[in-house]
Amino acid sequence: MAEKIRIVLPDTGPLITLAHANALEVLLAFDAQQVQLVVTDMVEFEATRHRSTREDAQRISDFLEKHAGRIVIEKTVFGQMAISAARLYERYTESQQLRDFYATSNMPAPSPLAPNSGELSINSYVSELIGQPPGPPCLVIAEDDFFLRATPGALPGNAHIISTATLLAKLEELDPRFKARDVLDAARHYKGREPNRATVDSPASKVKGGSTWDATVAAAQLTTKLTKKGNPRMKGSGSGS
């Protein structure tokens, strides 16, 4: 029998897509009694670091703060190192005095944030959970090819990978008033960003009997969260759409 997902980790890409569509609340559709929603430190850093100049980053920051009791920001070994390095790089680029110090000391300049840093922090976190293999099943909601096209064995055996589009399609299946395409279209129309529309659902490879996530999505909770007045993603909601 497939084991239910116990931890959900959204990648930076889905957070940005949902923020662009003003639909971050879909992440709260998972049953809080069964599932812990986790955002790694590096994903939080990447997704919110430009909140003073970017509306989507501010929306994500506000969402994480508002639901701090429901969403846990989890520190990772990789994330702590990467965040420190990124902050040093930012100080270096902003300070002529610091650049001069590095130059006169013949020190190599700090490196910018490495690609896929958020994804690597998720991989780090899932790997750290494996105390008694294969560890609790973790659902990773992703858009980046780091997860969606990972070769077998490249990810921890307790990681179940789905795409943003797959999650949205399941929400529409549970409540037809919710329109997955509307969310993706809204994200696309926001400053021209095109969300990844690939449908991916890859169970955890080393969980006995496989892993399942759809049973942890609470339809009643979904309805409660998404039928709020003014939410344009629900047909027939108080928004009048």
Foldseek 3Di string as FASTA:
>chain_A
DAAEAAEEEEALQLLLLCLLLVRPCLVVLFALVRHAYEYELQSLCVLQVVVVPDSSNVSSVVVCVVVVVRYPHHYFPLRVVLVVLQVQLVVCVVDPVNVVVCVVVVHDHRDHRDPCSRVVRVQRVCVVQPPPPPGGAYEYEDQDCVPQVDDPPPGRLRYWYWYSLQSQVLLCVLPVQFDSVSSQVSSCPRVNDHTRNDTGTGWRRGDVVTYDYSVRRHNVVSCVSQLPQPRPRGPPHNVPD
